[in-house]
N, C-alpha and C. Protein backbone atom coordinates (compact mmCIF):
# COMPACT_ATOMS: atom_id res chain seq x y z
N MET A 1 0.84 -1.17 -0.11
CA MET A 1 0.01 0.00 -0.10
C MET A 1 0.70 1.20 0.11
N LEU A 2 2.01 1.26 0.60
CA LEU A 2 2.74 2.51 0.58
C LEU A 2 3.31 2.76 -0.65
N THR A 3 3.34 1.76 -1.60
CA THR A 3 3.95 1.95 -2.86
C THR A 3 2.67 2.47 -3.75
N THR A 4 1.56 2.09 -3.45
CA THR A 4 0.46 2.74 -4.01
C THR A 4 0.24 4.29 -3.60
N LEU A 5 0.44 4.38 -2.35
CA LEU A 5 0.32 5.58 -1.87
C LEU A 5 1.23 6.74 -2.39
N ARG A 6 2.54 6.22 -2.39
CA ARG A 6 3.61 6.80 -3.12
C ARG A 6 3.42 7.14 -4.56
N SER A 7 3.02 6.32 -5.35
CA SER A 7 2.55 6.45 -6.51
C SER A 7 1.50 7.47 -6.90
N SER A 8 0.14 7.58 -6.04
CA SER A 8 -0.79 8.33 -6.20
C SER A 8 -0.14 9.84 -5.76
N THR A 9 0.61 9.83 -4.71
CA THR A 9 1.22 11.15 -4.39
C THR A 9 1.97 11.64 -5.40
N PHE A 10 2.86 10.88 -6.12
CA PHE A 10 3.62 11.25 -7.19
C PHE A 10 2.70 11.69 -8.46
N ARG A 11 1.67 10.95 -8.46
CA ARG A 11 0.62 11.29 -9.77
C ARG A 11 -0.04 12.61 -9.30
N ALA A 12 -0.41 12.99 -7.85
CA ALA A 12 -1.04 14.07 -7.61
C ALA A 12 -0.18 15.24 -7.74
N VAL A 13 1.02 14.93 -7.37
CA VAL A 13 2.02 16.17 -7.63
C VAL A 13 2.23 16.51 -8.87
N ALA A 14 2.51 15.54 -9.72
CA ALA A 14 2.53 15.80 -11.29
C ALA A 14 1.40 16.44 -11.66
N GLY A 15 0.35 15.82 -11.25
CA GLY A 15 -1.17 16.42 -11.77
C GLY A 15 -1.27 17.82 -11.41
N GLY A 16 -0.76 18.24 -10.22
CA GLY A 16 -0.84 19.67 -9.72
C GLY A 16 0.01 20.41 -10.18
N ALA A 17 1.21 20.01 -10.44
CA ALA A 17 2.36 20.78 -11.41
C ALA A 17 1.81 21.10 -12.71
N MET A 18 1.24 19.71 -13.44
CA MET A 18 0.90 20.04 -14.79
C MET A 18 -0.54 20.96 -14.95
N ALA A 19 -1.33 21.00 -13.52
CA ALA A 19 -2.50 21.79 -13.62
C ALA A 19 -1.80 23.33 -13.33
N LEU A 20 -0.86 23.63 -12.61
CA LEU A 20 -0.20 24.93 -12.40
C LEU A 20 0.47 25.40 -13.73
N LEU A 21 1.03 24.37 -14.50
CA LEU A 21 1.59 24.71 -15.83
C LEU A 21 0.51 25.23 -16.76
N GLY A 22 -0.63 24.60 -16.63
CA GLY A 22 -1.64 24.88 -17.52
C GLY A 22 -2.30 26.12 -17.31
N ALA A 23 -2.58 26.40 -15.95
CA ALA A 23 -2.92 27.79 -15.49
C ALA A 23 -1.96 28.89 -15.85
N GLY A 24 -0.70 28.42 -15.70
CA GLY A 24 0.36 29.73 -16.05
C GLY A 24 0.17 30.02 -17.57
N ILE A 25 -0.05 28.82 -18.35
CA ILE A 25 -0.04 29.09 -19.86
C ILE A 25 -1.58 29.80 -19.96
N PHE A 26 -2.59 29.44 -19.57
CA PHE A 26 -3.63 30.27 -19.58
C PHE A 26 -3.76 31.63 -19.30
N ILE A 27 -3.13 31.78 -18.04
CA ILE A 27 -3.00 33.24 -17.50
C ILE A 27 -2.05 34.08 -18.32
N PHE A 28 -0.78 33.51 -18.57
CA PHE A 28 0.29 34.25 -19.23
C PHE A 28 0.28 34.31 -20.69
N ALA A 29 0.47 32.93 -21.18
CA ALA A 29 0.76 32.79 -22.86
C ALA A 29 -0.62 33.00 -23.53
N LEU A 30 -1.67 32.44 -23.14
CA LEU A 30 -2.60 32.95 -23.92
C LEU A 30 -3.24 34.24 -24.34
N PRO A 31 -3.13 35.19 -23.16
CA PRO A 31 -3.41 36.66 -23.49
C PRO A 31 -2.17 37.29 -24.26
N SER A 32 -1.16 36.93 -24.07
CA SER A 32 -0.06 37.42 -24.86
C SER A 32 -0.24 37.05 -26.33
N ALA A 33 -0.66 35.82 -26.55
CA ALA A 33 -0.73 35.40 -28.04
C ALA A 33 -2.04 35.99 -28.47
N ALA A 34 -3.17 36.31 -27.71
CA ALA A 34 -4.19 36.82 -28.33
C ALA A 34 -3.66 38.44 -28.62
N ARG A 35 -3.01 38.87 -27.77
CA ARG A 35 -2.67 40.38 -28.10
C ARG A 35 -1.70 40.66 -29.34
N ARG A 36 -0.76 39.46 -29.39
CA ARG A 36 -0.08 39.49 -30.49
C ARG A 36 -0.81 39.04 -31.91
N ARG A 37 -1.91 38.36 -31.74
CA ARG A 37 -2.64 38.23 -32.82
C ARG A 37 -3.44 39.40 -33.17
N GLU A 38 -4.07 40.10 -32.11
CA GLU A 38 -4.92 41.36 -32.32
C GLU A 38 -4.00 42.33 -33.29
N SER A 39 -2.67 42.34 -32.78
CA SER A 39 -1.75 43.50 -33.02
C SER A 39 -1.41 43.23 -34.41
N SER A 40 -0.96 41.90 -34.94
CA SER A 40 -0.82 41.51 -36.13
C SER A 40 -2.08 41.68 -37.24
N GLU A 41 -3.37 41.31 -36.71
CA GLU A 41 -4.57 41.80 -37.53
C GLU A 41 -4.54 43.17 -37.54
N LYS A 42 -4.16 44.06 -36.70
CA LYS A 42 -4.58 45.60 -36.72
C LYS A 42 -3.36 45.92 -37.92
N ALA A 43 -2.06 45.40 -37.87
CA ALA A 43 -1.08 45.67 -38.50
C ALA A 43 -1.51 45.43 -40.14
N ALA A 44 -2.25 44.30 -40.38
CA ALA A 44 -2.67 43.89 -41.56
C ALA A 44 -3.83 44.81 -42.17
N LYS A 45 -4.67 45.27 -41.36
CA LYS A 45 -5.51 46.35 -41.75
C LYS A 45 -5.10 47.61 -41.98
N GLU A 46 -4.17 47.95 -41.39
CA GLU A 46 -3.32 49.46 -41.71
C GLU A 46 -2.64 49.27 -42.84
N ALA A 47 -1.68 47.93 -43.00
CA ALA A 47 -1.13 47.79 -44.28
C ALA A 47 -1.95 47.96 -45.39
N SER A 48 -3.27 47.23 -45.35
CA SER A 48 -4.07 47.12 -46.32
C SER A 48 -4.70 48.76 -46.64
N ALA A 49 -4.95 49.43 -45.77
CA ALA A 49 -5.65 50.79 -45.98
C ALA A 49 -4.51 51.65 -46.44
N ALA A 50 -3.27 51.36 -45.98
CA ALA A 50 -1.99 51.92 -46.63
C ALA A 50 -1.89 51.77 -48.28
N LEU A 51 -1.99 50.38 -48.54
CA LEU A 51 -1.71 50.11 -49.93
C LEU A 51 -2.86 50.57 -50.58
N LYS A 52 -4.15 50.86 -50.06
CA LYS A 52 -5.22 51.38 -50.73
C LYS A 52 -5.24 52.85 -51.15
N ARG A 53 -4.50 53.51 -50.09
CA ARG A 53 -4.29 54.96 -50.13
C ARG A 53 -2.99 55.16 -51.20
N GLN A 54 -2.26 54.33 -51.32
CA GLN A 54 -1.12 54.43 -52.15
C GLN A 54 -1.56 54.11 -53.51
N GLU A 55 -2.63 52.97 -53.81
CA GLU A 55 -3.18 52.88 -55.20
C GLU A 55 -3.92 53.98 -55.59
N ASP A 56 -4.80 54.71 -54.60
CA ASP A 56 -5.40 55.76 -55.04
C ASP A 56 -4.49 56.96 -55.76
N GLU A 57 -3.28 57.23 -54.89
CA GLU A 57 -2.46 58.12 -55.14
C GLU A 57 -1.71 57.91 -56.65
N LEU A 58 -1.52 56.73 -56.80
CA LEU A 58 -1.02 56.36 -58.25
C LEU A 58 -1.90 56.60 -59.21
N LYS A 59 -3.25 56.09 -59.01
CA LYS A 59 -4.07 56.41 -59.78
C LYS A 59 -4.35 57.89 -60.26
N GLY A 60 -4.18 58.70 -59.34
CA GLY A 60 -4.25 60.29 -59.33
C GLY A 60 -3.12 60.77 -60.19
N TYR A 61 -1.70 60.31 -59.87
CA TYR A 61 -0.51 60.75 -60.42
C TYR A 61 -0.67 60.18 -62.05
N GLN A 62 -1.19 58.97 -62.11
CA GLN A 62 -1.57 58.33 -63.68
C GLN A 62 -2.25 59.59 -64.34
N ALA A 63 -3.40 59.83 -63.57
CA ALA A 63 -4.39 60.58 -64.57
C ALA A 63 -3.55 62.09 -64.73
N GLU A 64 -3.01 62.50 -63.75
CA GLU A 64 -2.26 63.79 -63.86
C GLU A 64 -1.38 63.86 -65.14
N SER A 65 -0.79 62.73 -65.15
CA SER A 65 0.49 62.45 -66.10
C SER A 65 -0.16 62.39 -67.42
N GLU A 66 -1.39 61.71 -67.71
CA GLU A 66 -2.21 61.61 -68.88
C GLU A 66 -2.59 63.24 -69.22
N ARG A 67 -3.19 63.74 -68.18
CA ARG A 67 -3.53 65.19 -68.54
C ARG A 67 -2.51 65.92 -69.05
N ILE A 68 -1.22 66.05 -68.52
CA ILE A 68 -0.03 66.60 -68.91
C ILE A 68 0.28 66.32 -70.18
N ARG A 69 0.29 64.84 -70.38
CA ARG A 69 0.84 64.34 -71.89
C ARG A 69 -0.24 65.12 -72.95
N VAL A 70 -1.52 65.03 -72.71
CA VAL A 70 -2.36 65.49 -73.62
C VAL A 70 -2.22 67.03 -73.74
N ASP A 71 -2.12 67.86 -72.78
CA ASP A 71 -1.82 69.07 -72.87
C ASP A 71 -0.64 69.60 -73.54
N ARG A 72 0.42 68.77 -73.46
CA ARG A 72 1.52 68.85 -74.08
C ARG A 72 1.34 68.84 -75.62
N LYS A 73 0.72 67.68 -75.85
CA LYS A 73 0.40 67.47 -77.23
C LYS A 73 -0.46 68.80 -78.00
N VAL A 74 -1.30 69.09 -77.05
CA VAL A 74 -2.12 70.38 -77.70
C VAL A 74 -1.17 71.55 -77.85
N MET A 75 -0.15 71.76 -76.74
CA MET A 75 0.62 72.86 -76.70
C MET A 75 1.72 72.82 -78.06
N ASP A 76 2.07 71.60 -78.26
CA ASP A 76 2.91 71.39 -79.29
C ASP A 76 2.33 71.73 -80.64
N GLU A 77 0.75 71.16 -80.81
CA GLU A 77 0.12 71.43 -82.07
C GLU A 77 -0.07 73.18 -82.07
N LEU A 78 -0.44 73.44 -81.12
CA LEU A 78 -0.72 74.96 -81.04
C LEU A 78 0.62 75.76 -81.42
N LEU A 79 1.90 75.33 -81.01
CA LEU A 79 3.04 76.37 -81.56
C LEU A 79 3.29 75.84 -82.82
N GLY A 80 2.95 74.64 -83.21
CA GLY A 80 3.41 74.26 -84.62
C GLY A 80 2.48 75.09 -85.59
N ALA A 81 1.24 75.31 -85.10
CA ALA A 81 0.34 76.28 -86.02
C ALA A 81 0.57 77.75 -85.88
N MET A 82 1.26 78.11 -85.01
CA MET A 82 1.49 79.55 -84.63
C MET A 82 2.46 79.99 -85.81
N PRO A 83 2.05 81.30 -86.30
CA PRO A 83 2.56 81.98 -87.22
C PRO A 83 4.11 82.26 -86.89
N ALA A 84 5.28 82.13 -87.77
CA ALA A 84 6.56 82.54 -87.66
C ALA A 84 6.82 83.68 -88.27
N GLU A 85 5.96 84.55 -88.58
CA GLU A 85 6.21 85.74 -89.80
C GLU A 85 6.58 86.97 -88.95
N THR A 86 6.84 87.81 -89.63
CA THR A 86 7.38 89.15 -89.03
C THR A 86 5.97 89.73 -88.33
N VAL A 87 6.67 90.78 -87.64
CA VAL A 87 5.55 91.52 -86.85
C VAL A 87 4.54 92.39 -87.81
N GLY A 88 5.14 92.90 -88.84
CA GLY A 88 4.59 93.70 -90.00
C GLY A 88 3.46 92.80 -90.57
N ASN A 89 3.97 91.58 -90.77
CA ASN A 89 2.76 90.84 -91.54
C ASN A 89 1.65 90.26 -90.60
N LEU A 90 1.99 90.06 -89.37
CA LEU A 90 0.98 89.76 -88.37
C LEU A 90 0.04 90.98 -88.21
N GLN A 91 0.73 92.31 -88.06
CA GLN A 91 -0.24 93.21 -88.21
C GLN A 91 -1.12 93.58 -89.33
N TRP A 92 -0.51 93.29 -90.54
CA TRP A 92 -1.22 93.45 -91.71
C TRP A 92 -2.32 92.49 -91.73
N LYS A 93 -2.05 91.40 -91.41
CA LYS A 93 -3.24 90.11 -91.27
C LYS A 93 -4.43 90.70 -90.34
N LEU A 94 -4.00 91.31 -89.14
CA LEU A 94 -5.00 91.47 -88.11
C LEU A 94 -5.74 92.87 -88.81
N SER A 95 -5.22 93.74 -89.34
CA SER A 95 -5.77 95.01 -89.82
C SER A 95 -6.81 94.49 -91.02
N ARG A 96 -6.16 93.71 -91.89
CA ARG A 96 -7.02 93.09 -92.93
C ARG A 96 -8.31 92.51 -92.29
N ARG A 97 -8.05 91.60 -91.37
CA ARG A 97 -9.08 90.72 -90.78
C ARG A 97 -10.25 92.05 -90.13
N LEU A 98 -9.77 92.87 -89.46
CA LEU A 98 -10.71 93.75 -88.66
C LEU A 98 -11.48 94.66 -89.46
N PHE A 99 -10.74 95.15 -90.77
CA PHE A 99 -11.61 95.81 -91.72
C PHE A 99 -12.53 95.16 -92.56
N GLU A 100 -12.15 93.95 -92.77
CA GLU A 100 -12.94 92.88 -93.46
C GLU A 100 -14.22 92.86 -92.75
N LEU A 101 -14.23 92.25 -91.34
CA LEU A 101 -15.25 91.94 -90.54
C LEU A 101 -16.13 93.10 -90.34
N ALA A 102 -15.64 94.32 -90.11
CA ALA A 102 -16.26 95.75 -89.84
C ALA A 102 -17.08 95.81 -91.01
N GLY A 103 -16.41 95.67 -92.18
CA GLY A 103 -17.25 95.84 -93.67
C GLY A 103 -18.50 94.74 -93.71
N ARG A 104 -18.26 93.75 -93.37
CA ARG A 104 -19.17 92.52 -93.46
C ARG A 104 -20.40 92.89 -92.39
N HIS A 105 -20.24 93.43 -91.29
CA HIS A 105 -21.29 93.47 -90.40
C HIS A 105 -21.78 94.82 -90.24
N GLY A 106 -21.45 95.82 -91.17
CA GLY A 106 -21.86 97.06 -91.21
C GLY A 106 -21.37 98.05 -90.06
N ALA A 107 -20.46 97.49 -89.44
CA ALA A 107 -19.73 98.37 -88.41
C ALA A 107 -18.68 99.35 -89.02
N HIS A 108 -18.35 100.44 -88.23
CA HIS A 108 -17.12 101.27 -88.71
C HIS A 108 -15.86 101.18 -87.75
N LEU A 109 -14.91 100.90 -88.30
CA LEU A 109 -13.77 100.53 -87.77
C LEU A 109 -13.00 102.08 -87.79
N VAL A 110 -12.80 102.70 -86.36
CA VAL A 110 -12.33 104.03 -86.51
C VAL A 110 -10.68 104.18 -86.30
N PHE A 111 -10.15 103.37 -85.36
CA PHE A 111 -8.81 103.38 -85.45
C PHE A 111 -8.22 101.89 -84.95
N VAL A 112 -6.95 101.61 -85.32
CA VAL A 112 -6.34 100.68 -85.01
C VAL A 112 -4.79 100.75 -84.44
N LYS A 113 -4.53 100.63 -83.29
CA LYS A 113 -3.35 101.02 -82.52
C LYS A 113 -2.50 99.72 -82.25
N TYR A 114 -1.25 99.57 -82.60
CA TYR A 114 -0.36 98.39 -82.46
C TYR A 114 0.70 98.85 -81.17
N GLY A 115 0.92 97.89 -80.35
CA GLY A 115 1.98 98.02 -79.49
C GLY A 115 3.14 97.33 -79.90
N ALA A 116 4.28 97.26 -79.24
CA ALA A 116 5.52 96.68 -79.43
C ALA A 116 5.43 95.30 -79.25
N PRO A 117 6.24 94.59 -79.89
CA PRO A 117 6.31 93.15 -79.71
C PRO A 117 6.86 92.80 -78.23
N ALA A 118 6.53 92.04 -77.59
CA ALA A 118 7.18 91.56 -76.11
C ALA A 118 6.85 90.24 -75.82
N ARG A 119 8.02 89.65 -75.41
CA ARG A 119 8.21 88.26 -74.92
C ARG A 119 7.73 88.23 -73.50
N GLU A 120 6.70 87.46 -73.27
CA GLU A 120 6.07 87.27 -71.88
C GLU A 120 6.81 86.27 -71.05
N GLY A 121 7.13 86.47 -69.97
CA GLY A 121 7.97 85.55 -69.02
C GLY A 121 9.17 85.29 -69.40
N ALA A 122 9.91 84.34 -69.59
CA ALA A 122 11.48 84.38 -69.72
C ALA A 122 11.79 84.86 -70.91
N ARG A 123 13.06 85.32 -71.03
CA ARG A 123 13.81 85.97 -72.25
C ARG A 123 13.76 85.04 -73.63
N ASP A 124 13.93 83.72 -73.11
CA ASP A 124 13.89 82.58 -74.22
C ASP A 124 12.59 82.20 -74.31
N ALA A 125 11.49 82.90 -74.09
CA ALA A 125 10.27 82.24 -74.46
C ALA A 125 9.78 82.18 -75.76
N LEU A 126 9.07 81.15 -76.01
CA LEU A 126 8.69 80.70 -77.53
C LEU A 126 7.88 81.69 -78.22
N LEU A 127 7.15 82.34 -77.64
CA LEU A 127 6.09 83.33 -78.06
C LEU A 127 6.26 84.68 -77.69
N GLU A 128 5.87 85.60 -78.85
CA GLU A 128 5.94 86.98 -78.61
C GLU A 128 4.33 87.52 -78.87
N ALA A 129 4.23 88.80 -78.08
CA ALA A 129 2.75 89.11 -78.03
C ALA A 129 2.84 90.47 -78.31
N VAL A 130 1.83 90.87 -79.50
CA VAL A 130 1.62 92.13 -79.71
C VAL A 130 0.23 92.61 -79.35
N ASP A 131 0.12 93.67 -78.75
CA ASP A 131 -1.24 94.10 -78.40
C ASP A 131 -1.73 95.10 -79.29
N VAL A 132 -2.85 95.01 -79.63
CA VAL A 132 -3.70 95.72 -80.65
C VAL A 132 -5.05 96.25 -80.04
N GLU A 133 -5.13 97.57 -80.17
CA GLU A 133 -6.23 98.22 -79.61
C GLU A 133 -6.93 98.78 -80.93
N PHE A 134 -8.43 98.73 -80.86
CA PHE A 134 -9.25 99.34 -81.77
C PHE A 134 -10.62 99.69 -81.56
N THR A 135 -11.02 100.56 -82.12
CA THR A 135 -12.53 101.05 -81.76
C THR A 135 -13.40 100.76 -82.93
N VAL A 136 -14.34 100.37 -82.82
CA VAL A 136 -15.57 100.00 -83.75
C VAL A 136 -16.86 100.80 -83.23
N PHE A 137 -17.36 101.44 -84.24
CA PHE A 137 -18.81 102.07 -83.99
C PHE A 137 -19.94 101.35 -84.96
N GLY A 138 -21.04 101.24 -84.33
CA GLY A 138 -22.27 100.70 -85.11
C GLY A 138 -23.31 100.48 -83.99
N VAL A 139 -24.24 99.70 -84.46
CA VAL A 139 -25.42 99.29 -83.65
C VAL A 139 -24.91 97.92 -82.72
N PHE A 140 -25.71 97.83 -81.87
CA PHE A 140 -25.35 96.65 -80.81
C PHE A 140 -25.33 95.24 -81.52
N SER A 141 -26.37 95.17 -82.37
CA SER A 141 -26.39 93.80 -83.06
C SER A 141 -25.18 93.70 -84.00
N GLU A 142 -24.62 94.87 -84.58
CA GLU A 142 -23.68 94.86 -85.56
C GLU A 142 -22.36 94.47 -84.92
N LEU A 143 -22.18 95.06 -83.73
CA LEU A 143 -21.14 94.99 -82.71
C LEU A 143 -20.99 93.53 -82.39
N LYS A 144 -22.09 93.11 -81.78
CA LYS A 144 -22.01 91.59 -81.31
C LYS A 144 -21.69 90.59 -82.58
N ALA A 145 -22.22 90.73 -83.77
CA ALA A 145 -21.95 89.89 -84.70
C ALA A 145 -20.37 90.06 -85.03
N PHE A 146 -20.14 91.32 -85.26
CA PHE A 146 -18.51 91.53 -85.36
C PHE A 146 -17.76 90.81 -84.50
N MET A 147 -17.86 90.90 -83.16
CA MET A 147 -17.00 90.20 -82.03
C MET A 147 -17.29 88.73 -82.14
N LEU A 148 -18.36 88.23 -82.31
CA LEU A 148 -18.61 86.86 -82.43
C LEU A 148 -17.86 86.34 -83.73
N ASP A 149 -17.98 86.81 -84.76
CA ASP A 149 -17.19 86.48 -85.94
C ASP A 149 -15.56 86.83 -85.94
N LEU A 150 -14.99 87.61 -85.23
CA LEU A 150 -13.76 87.93 -84.61
C LEU A 150 -13.16 86.95 -84.09
N GLU A 151 -14.00 86.49 -82.82
CA GLU A 151 -13.49 85.40 -81.79
C GLU A 151 -13.70 83.92 -82.52
N GLY A 152 -14.36 83.73 -83.59
CA GLY A 152 -14.44 82.52 -84.35
C GLY A 152 -13.39 82.38 -85.50
N GLY A 153 -12.51 83.27 -85.58
CA GLY A 153 -11.49 83.09 -86.55
C GLY A 153 -10.30 82.23 -86.03
N ARG A 154 -9.46 82.33 -86.83
CA ARG A 154 -8.31 81.33 -86.96
C ARG A 154 -7.10 82.11 -86.48
N LEU A 155 -7.26 83.44 -86.18
CA LEU A 155 -5.95 83.98 -85.87
C LEU A 155 -5.48 83.99 -84.63
N PRO A 156 -4.17 83.63 -84.27
CA PRO A 156 -3.84 83.43 -82.92
C PRO A 156 -3.71 84.92 -81.86
N PHE A 157 -4.89 84.87 -81.42
CA PHE A 157 -4.80 86.31 -80.36
C PHE A 157 -5.95 85.78 -79.20
N ALA A 158 -5.92 86.57 -78.33
CA ALA A 158 -6.82 86.37 -76.84
C ALA A 158 -7.49 87.95 -76.79
N VAL A 159 -8.60 87.96 -76.51
CA VAL A 159 -9.19 89.27 -76.01
C VAL A 159 -8.61 89.75 -74.68
N VAL A 160 -7.94 90.63 -74.61
CA VAL A 160 -7.57 91.18 -73.23
C VAL A 160 -8.62 92.07 -72.69
N SER A 161 -9.29 92.87 -73.44
CA SER A 161 -10.34 93.77 -72.90
C SER A 161 -11.28 94.18 -73.67
N ALA A 162 -12.50 94.43 -73.45
CA ALA A 162 -13.46 94.96 -74.30
C ALA A 162 -14.49 96.07 -73.40
N LYS A 163 -14.71 97.03 -74.10
CA LYS A 163 -15.68 97.92 -73.44
C LYS A 163 -16.60 98.49 -74.38
N LEU A 164 -17.71 98.37 -74.15
CA LEU A 164 -18.88 98.97 -74.88
C LEU A 164 -19.57 100.15 -74.10
N ASP A 165 -19.32 101.18 -74.99
CA ASP A 165 -20.08 102.39 -74.50
C ASP A 165 -21.36 102.94 -75.42
N GLU A 166 -22.14 103.72 -75.04
CA GLU A 166 -23.05 104.33 -75.69
C GLU A 166 -22.74 105.72 -76.22
N ALA A 167 -23.34 106.15 -77.45
CA ALA A 167 -22.87 107.43 -77.98
C ALA A 167 -24.03 108.07 -78.78
N PRO A 168 -24.32 109.28 -79.06
CA PRO A 168 -25.62 109.53 -79.95
C PRO A 168 -25.35 108.92 -81.09
N GLU A 169 -24.29 108.76 -81.67
CA GLU A 169 -24.14 108.05 -83.16
C GLU A 169 -24.46 106.73 -83.13
N GLY A 170 -24.47 106.02 -81.74
CA GLY A 170 -24.75 104.42 -81.85
C GLY A 170 -23.68 104.10 -80.78
N ALA A 171 -23.52 102.94 -80.82
CA ALA A 171 -22.55 102.17 -79.70
C ALA A 171 -21.21 102.20 -80.02
N HIS A 172 -20.27 102.32 -79.36
CA HIS A 172 -18.96 102.05 -79.76
C HIS A 172 -18.12 101.05 -78.77
N LEU A 173 -17.41 100.20 -79.44
CA LEU A 173 -16.69 99.07 -78.79
C LEU A 173 -15.29 99.29 -79.05
N THR A 174 -14.56 99.31 -77.70
CA THR A 174 -13.17 99.51 -77.67
C THR A 174 -12.58 98.04 -77.22
N VAL A 175 -11.54 97.52 -77.91
CA VAL A 175 -11.19 96.25 -77.66
C VAL A 175 -9.67 96.28 -77.76
N THR A 176 -9.09 95.67 -76.89
CA THR A 176 -7.62 95.32 -76.70
C THR A 176 -7.58 93.65 -77.10
N LEU A 177 -6.71 93.44 -78.14
CA LEU A 177 -6.29 92.09 -78.43
C LEU A 177 -4.94 91.81 -78.15
N ARG A 178 -4.52 90.63 -77.84
CA ARG A 178 -3.08 90.18 -77.79
C ARG A 178 -3.15 89.19 -78.62
N ALA A 179 -2.24 89.52 -79.80
CA ALA A 179 -1.85 88.65 -80.86
C ALA A 179 -0.66 87.87 -80.70
N PHE A 180 -0.40 86.76 -80.86
CA PHE A 180 0.78 85.93 -80.69
C PHE A 180 1.37 85.27 -81.85
N ARG A 181 2.67 85.34 -81.96
CA ARG A 181 3.45 84.71 -83.10
C ARG A 181 4.68 84.05 -82.42
N ARG A 182 5.35 83.00 -83.04
CA ARG A 182 6.49 82.39 -82.58
C ARG A 182 7.54 83.38 -82.74
N ALA A 183 8.29 83.29 -81.68
CA ALA A 183 9.68 84.41 -81.57
C ALA A 183 10.55 84.03 -82.51
N PRO A 184 11.47 85.09 -83.00
CA PRO A 184 12.48 84.67 -83.91
C PRO A 184 13.29 83.74 -83.40
N GLY A 185 13.66 82.47 -83.87
CA GLY A 185 14.64 81.51 -83.53
C GLY A 185 13.83 80.63 -82.84
N ALA A 186 12.68 80.58 -82.48
CA ALA A 186 11.96 79.54 -81.77
C ALA A 186 11.58 78.27 -82.39
N GLY A 187 11.81 78.52 -83.90
CA GLY A 187 11.37 77.09 -84.55
C GLY A 187 12.61 76.12 -84.38
N GLU A 188 13.73 76.66 -84.18
CA GLU A 188 14.73 75.80 -84.08
C GLU A 188 15.12 75.26 -82.71
N GLU A 189 14.70 75.95 -81.69
CA GLU A 189 14.81 75.35 -80.43
C GLU A 189 13.75 74.23 -79.95
N GLU A 190 14.22 73.43 -79.25
CA GLU A 190 13.41 72.30 -78.82
C GLU A 190 12.67 72.81 -77.29
N PRO A 191 11.33 72.68 -77.40
CA PRO A 191 10.50 73.21 -76.32
C PRO A 191 11.13 72.62 -75.13
């Protein structure tokens, strides 16, 4: 019986030690493993969210790159179509066009004044600008048709300002245009 008691005691002690070991694992190891699992899940979610943000940024950069490519193509086409003629020829074409449109729409072109050509921006800019100021008299409907026809033309200019005033003889429109041409030597340069 003594052997049975010893063996039972030994088994009881071994069982108690195993129970303590199991309780220690349950108390210390399982929460630590659960925390590690939660932190790894949280890290995986954060990594997934960061990847999604980066993919969205990449799509934005790709769209911006495509927009720049298209804008560059349009700019190259515009520069290719820009006249590389002398300032005198550009002024002559503009004057002819203004007088032609005024005659076509029954308006009276009073005067045309040209400014000196100037490069906007850097000294080696590809374009020169020439300001053109003119005054046209007529009825409002004639002046409206004149401006619509002028803006629909193929000449390279932008309307800087336009002022419509009423006078006893009718309306008069004072307009400032900025005409553009390729700067001398710009054809050889690479943009």
